[in-house]
Amino acid sequence: MYQLSMSDDLDSRPDIYPWLINVYVDEKFRGKNVCRQLMITVNENAKKAGLTELFLYTKHKGLYEKFGWEFVEEVKTFKDDSPIERLYRLKIK
């Protein structure tokens, strides 16, 4: 369902690591706290792995903020359909 960390997920920001990538909740499971549980699990696993922060980028605005992610900046992506997305950082607690 998710991959905890990847070393290079965004060509325009090779200085950022580690990444949370490939997060997706199918429509039929939305509104059932699946994303909330997923974000709790991400934080717990990152803490166990000794990480102090994680990064992700997305076109979604307002979703990840609910789970403690902080907006950093807009970034250029490799996607033709979404060339500018939002970069977020999660400080692991």
N, C-alpha and C. Protein backbone atom coordinates (compact mmCIF):
# COMPACT_ATOMS: atom_id res chain seq x y z
N MET A 1 0.82 -1.19 0.00
CA MET A 1 0.00 0.00 0.00
C MET A 1 0.86 1.25 0.00
N TYR A 2 2.03 1.22 0.63
CA TYR A 2 2.93 2.36 0.57
C TYR A 2 4.36 1.87 0.62
N GLN A 3 5.26 2.74 0.21
CA GLN A 3 6.68 2.46 0.31
C GLN A 3 7.23 3.53 1.23
N LEU A 4 7.90 3.12 2.30
CA LEU A 4 8.33 4.07 3.31
C LEU A 4 9.32 5.08 2.79
N SER A 5 10.32 4.67 2.06
CA SER A 5 11.37 5.59 1.72
C SER A 5 11.97 5.29 0.34
N MET A 6 12.33 6.35 -0.33
CA MET A 6 12.99 6.24 -1.63
C MET A 6 14.04 7.33 -1.66
N SER A 7 15.17 7.07 -2.26
CA SER A 7 16.26 8.04 -2.21
C SER A 7 16.13 9.18 -3.21
N ASP A 8 15.40 9.01 -4.30
CA ASP A 8 15.34 10.06 -5.32
C ASP A 8 14.00 9.99 -6.04
N ASP A 9 13.02 10.72 -5.53
CA ASP A 9 11.69 10.68 -6.12
C ASP A 9 11.38 11.90 -6.98
N LEU A 10 12.16 12.95 -6.86
CA LEU A 10 11.86 14.18 -7.57
C LEU A 10 13.15 14.74 -8.17
N ASP A 11 13.26 14.64 -9.49
CA ASP A 11 14.49 15.05 -10.17
C ASP A 11 14.87 16.51 -9.89
N SER A 12 13.87 17.36 -9.71
CA SER A 12 14.17 18.78 -9.48
C SER A 12 14.66 19.06 -8.07
N ARG A 13 14.57 18.07 -7.16
CA ARG A 13 15.04 18.25 -5.78
C ARG A 13 15.82 17.03 -5.31
N PRO A 14 17.00 16.77 -5.89
CA PRO A 14 17.79 15.61 -5.48
C PRO A 14 18.37 15.74 -4.08
N ASP A 15 18.27 16.93 -3.49
CA ASP A 15 18.79 17.18 -2.15
C ASP A 15 17.86 16.67 -1.05
N ILE A 16 16.67 16.24 -1.42
CA ILE A 16 15.68 15.83 -0.42
C ILE A 16 15.64 14.32 -0.28
N TYR A 17 15.61 13.86 0.97
CA TYR A 17 15.56 12.43 1.29
C TYR A 17 15.18 12.29 2.75
N PRO A 18 14.44 11.33 3.12
CA PRO A 18 13.79 10.24 2.40
C PRO A 18 12.37 10.63 1.98
N TRP A 19 11.87 9.90 1.02
CA TRP A 19 10.55 10.16 0.44
C TRP A 19 9.52 9.13 0.86
N LEU A 20 8.30 9.56 1.02
CA LEU A 20 7.14 8.67 1.08
C LEU A 20 6.54 8.73 -0.32
N ILE A 21 6.42 7.58 -0.97
CA ILE A 21 5.95 7.59 -2.36
C ILE A 21 4.81 6.59 -2.56
N ASN A 22 4.09 6.79 -3.65
CA ASN A 22 3.05 5.87 -4.11
C ASN A 22 1.93 5.64 -3.09
N VAL A 23 1.47 6.70 -2.48
CA VAL A 23 0.35 6.61 -1.54
C VAL A 23 -0.94 6.87 -2.31
N TYR A 24 -1.87 5.95 -2.18
CA TYR A 24 -3.15 6.09 -2.88
C TYR A 24 -4.19 5.27 -2.13
N VAL A 25 -5.33 5.89 -1.87
CA VAL A 25 -6.46 5.18 -1.28
C VAL A 25 -7.56 5.13 -2.34
N ASP A 26 -7.96 3.94 -2.70
CA ASP A 26 -9.00 3.75 -3.70
C ASP A 26 -10.30 4.43 -3.25
N GLU A 27 -11.02 4.96 -4.21
CA GLU A 27 -12.25 5.71 -3.92
C GLU A 27 -13.23 4.96 -3.01
N LYS A 28 -13.36 3.66 -3.19
CA LYS A 28 -14.35 2.92 -2.39
C LYS A 28 -13.96 2.84 -0.92
N PHE A 29 -12.69 3.17 -0.57
CA PHE A 29 -12.25 3.14 0.82
C PHE A 29 -12.10 4.52 1.42
N ARG A 30 -12.33 5.56 0.64
CA ARG A 30 -12.20 6.93 1.15
C ARG A 30 -13.36 7.24 2.10
N GLY A 31 -13.07 8.08 3.10
CA GLY A 31 -14.08 8.44 4.09
C GLY A 31 -14.23 7.39 5.17
N LYS A 32 -13.33 6.42 5.20
CA LYS A 32 -13.40 5.33 6.19
C LYS A 32 -12.15 5.30 7.07
N ASN A 33 -11.46 6.43 7.17
CA ASN A 33 -10.26 6.58 8.00
C ASN A 33 -9.08 5.72 7.55
N VAL A 34 -9.09 5.25 6.31
CA VAL A 34 -7.97 4.47 5.79
C VAL A 34 -6.72 5.35 5.70
N CYS A 35 -6.87 6.55 5.18
CA CYS A 35 -5.72 7.46 5.05
C CYS A 35 -5.18 7.81 6.44
N ARG A 36 -6.04 8.07 7.39
CA ARG A 36 -5.61 8.39 8.75
C ARG A 36 -4.77 7.25 9.32
N GLN A 37 -5.25 6.03 9.21
CA GLN A 37 -4.52 4.88 9.73
C GLN A 37 -3.20 4.69 8.98
N LEU A 38 -3.24 4.93 7.69
CA LEU A 38 -2.02 4.83 6.89
C LEU A 38 -0.98 5.84 7.37
N MET A 39 -1.39 7.07 7.62
CA MET A 39 -0.47 8.11 8.08
C MET A 39 0.07 7.81 9.48
N ILE A 40 -0.74 7.23 10.35
CA ILE A 40 -0.27 6.81 11.67
C ILE A 40 0.80 5.74 11.52
N THR A 41 0.54 4.78 10.65
CA THR A 41 1.49 3.69 10.41
C THR A 41 2.79 4.22 9.80
N VAL A 42 2.69 5.15 8.87
CA VAL A 42 3.88 5.76 8.27
C VAL A 42 4.73 6.40 9.36
N ASN A 43 4.12 7.19 10.23
CA ASN A 43 4.85 7.87 11.29
C ASN A 43 5.51 6.86 12.24
N GLU A 44 4.76 5.83 12.63
CA GLU A 44 5.31 4.81 13.53
C GLU A 44 6.49 4.08 12.90
N ASN A 45 6.37 3.69 11.65
CA ASN A 45 7.45 2.97 10.97
C ASN A 45 8.67 3.85 10.72
N ALA A 46 8.43 5.11 10.41
CA ALA A 46 9.54 6.04 10.21
C ALA A 46 10.30 6.23 11.53
N LYS A 47 9.57 6.33 12.61
CA LYS A 47 10.20 6.47 13.93
C LYS A 47 11.03 5.23 14.26
N LYS A 48 10.48 4.05 14.02
CA LYS A 48 11.21 2.79 14.26
C LYS A 48 12.46 2.70 13.41
N ALA A 49 12.40 3.29 12.21
CA ALA A 49 13.55 3.26 11.30
C ALA A 49 14.59 4.33 11.65
N GLY A 50 14.29 5.15 12.64
CA GLY A 50 15.23 6.18 13.07
C GLY A 50 15.22 7.43 12.21
N LEU A 51 14.17 7.61 11.42
CA LEU A 51 14.07 8.80 10.58
C LEU A 51 13.56 9.98 11.40
N THR A 52 13.98 11.17 11.04
CA THR A 52 13.52 12.38 11.73
C THR A 52 12.53 13.17 10.90
N GLU A 53 12.49 12.88 9.60
CA GLU A 53 11.54 13.56 8.72
C GLU A 53 11.33 12.73 7.46
N LEU A 54 10.21 13.01 6.79
CA LEU A 54 9.87 12.40 5.51
C LEU A 54 9.36 13.51 4.60
N PHE A 55 9.45 13.28 3.29
CA PHE A 55 8.95 14.23 2.31
C PHE A 55 8.02 13.52 1.34
N LEU A 56 7.10 14.29 0.79
CA LEU A 56 6.25 13.81 -0.30
C LEU A 56 5.86 15.00 -1.14
N TYR A 57 5.46 14.73 -2.37
CA TYR A 57 4.86 15.79 -3.18
C TYR A 57 3.56 15.27 -3.76
N THR A 58 2.63 16.20 -3.94
CA THR A 58 1.28 15.85 -4.34
C THR A 58 0.58 17.05 -4.95
N LYS A 59 -0.49 16.77 -5.68
CA LYS A 59 -1.33 17.86 -6.18
C LYS A 59 -2.41 18.22 -5.17
N HIS A 60 -2.58 17.40 -4.14
CA HIS A 60 -3.63 17.62 -3.15
C HIS A 60 -3.27 18.75 -2.20
N LYS A 61 -4.24 19.60 -1.93
CA LYS A 61 -4.07 20.70 -0.99
C LYS A 61 -5.06 20.49 0.15
N GLY A 62 -4.55 20.50 1.37
CA GLY A 62 -5.43 20.36 2.52
C GLY A 62 -5.55 18.95 3.07
N LEU A 63 -5.09 17.95 2.33
CA LEU A 63 -5.21 16.57 2.80
C LEU A 63 -4.13 16.23 3.80
N TYR A 64 -2.89 16.37 3.41
CA TYR A 64 -1.79 15.93 4.27
C TYR A 64 -1.60 16.83 5.49
N GLU A 65 -2.03 18.07 5.39
CA GLU A 65 -1.96 18.97 6.55
C GLU A 65 -2.74 18.40 7.74
N LYS A 66 -3.80 17.66 7.45
CA LYS A 66 -4.62 17.05 8.51
C LYS A 66 -3.83 16.06 9.34
N PHE A 67 -2.73 15.56 8.78
CA PHE A 67 -1.95 14.52 9.44
C PHE A 67 -0.56 14.99 9.85
N GLY A 68 -0.40 16.31 9.95
CA GLY A 68 0.84 16.88 10.47
C GLY A 68 1.90 17.22 9.45
N TRP A 69 1.63 17.01 8.16
CA TRP A 69 2.58 17.37 7.12
C TRP A 69 2.56 18.88 6.93
N GLU A 70 3.74 19.47 6.74
CA GLU A 70 3.87 20.91 6.54
C GLU A 70 4.20 21.21 5.08
N PHE A 71 3.47 22.16 4.50
CA PHE A 71 3.75 22.59 3.14
C PHE A 71 5.11 23.29 3.13
N VAL A 72 5.97 22.93 2.16
CA VAL A 72 7.30 23.52 2.04
C VAL A 72 7.33 24.52 0.88
N GLU A 73 6.96 24.05 -0.31
CA GLU A 73 7.00 24.89 -1.50
C GLU A 73 6.37 24.16 -2.67
N GLU A 74 6.13 24.89 -3.74
CA GLU A 74 5.70 24.25 -4.98
C GLU A 74 6.95 23.80 -5.72
N VAL A 75 6.86 22.62 -6.37
CA VAL A 75 8.01 22.05 -7.07
C VAL A 75 7.63 21.62 -8.48
N LYS A 76 8.62 21.61 -9.35
CA LYS A 76 8.43 21.10 -10.71
C LYS A 76 8.49 19.59 -10.66
N THR A 77 7.61 18.94 -11.40
CA THR A 77 7.57 17.48 -11.44
C THR A 77 7.89 17.00 -12.85
N PHE A 78 7.93 15.69 -13.02
CA PHE A 78 8.15 15.07 -14.32
C PHE A 78 6.84 14.77 -15.02
N LYS A 79 5.72 15.16 -14.43
CA LYS A 79 4.40 14.79 -14.95
C LYS A 79 3.89 15.81 -15.96
N ASP A 80 3.49 15.33 -17.12
CA ASP A 80 2.93 16.22 -18.14
C ASP A 80 1.60 16.80 -17.70
N ASP A 81 0.79 16.01 -16.99
CA ASP A 81 -0.54 16.45 -16.59
C ASP A 81 -0.55 17.26 -15.30
N SER A 82 0.58 17.32 -14.60
CA SER A 82 0.66 18.05 -13.33
C SER A 82 2.10 18.52 -13.11
N PRO A 83 2.55 19.51 -13.90
CA PRO A 83 3.97 19.90 -13.87
C PRO A 83 4.42 20.62 -12.59
N ILE A 84 3.47 21.16 -11.84
CA ILE A 84 3.79 21.82 -10.56
C ILE A 84 2.94 21.17 -9.48
N GLU A 85 3.60 20.71 -8.42
CA GLU A 85 2.87 20.10 -7.30
C GLU A 85 3.39 20.67 -5.99
N ARG A 86 2.81 20.21 -4.89
CA ARG A 86 3.12 20.74 -3.57
C ARG A 86 4.06 19.79 -2.83
N LEU A 87 5.13 20.33 -2.30
CA LEU A 87 6.10 19.56 -1.52
C LEU A 87 5.75 19.70 -0.03
N TYR A 88 5.74 18.56 0.67
CA TYR A 88 5.43 18.53 2.10
C TYR A 88 6.53 17.82 2.87
N ARG A 89 6.67 18.21 4.15
CA ARG A 89 7.61 17.56 5.07
C ARG A 89 6.84 17.14 6.32
N LEU A 90 7.15 15.94 6.79
CA LEU A 90 6.59 15.46 8.06
C LEU A 90 7.74 15.30 9.03
N LYS A 91 7.66 16.00 10.15
CA LYS A 91 8.65 15.82 11.22
C LYS A 91 8.18 14.64 12.06
N ILE A 92 9.02 13.65 12.16
CA ILE A 92 8.66 12.42 12.86
C ILE A 92 8.68 12.65 14.36
N LYS A 93 7.59 12.26 15.01
CA LYS A 93 7.46 12.45 16.47
C LYS A 93 7.46 11.13 17.18
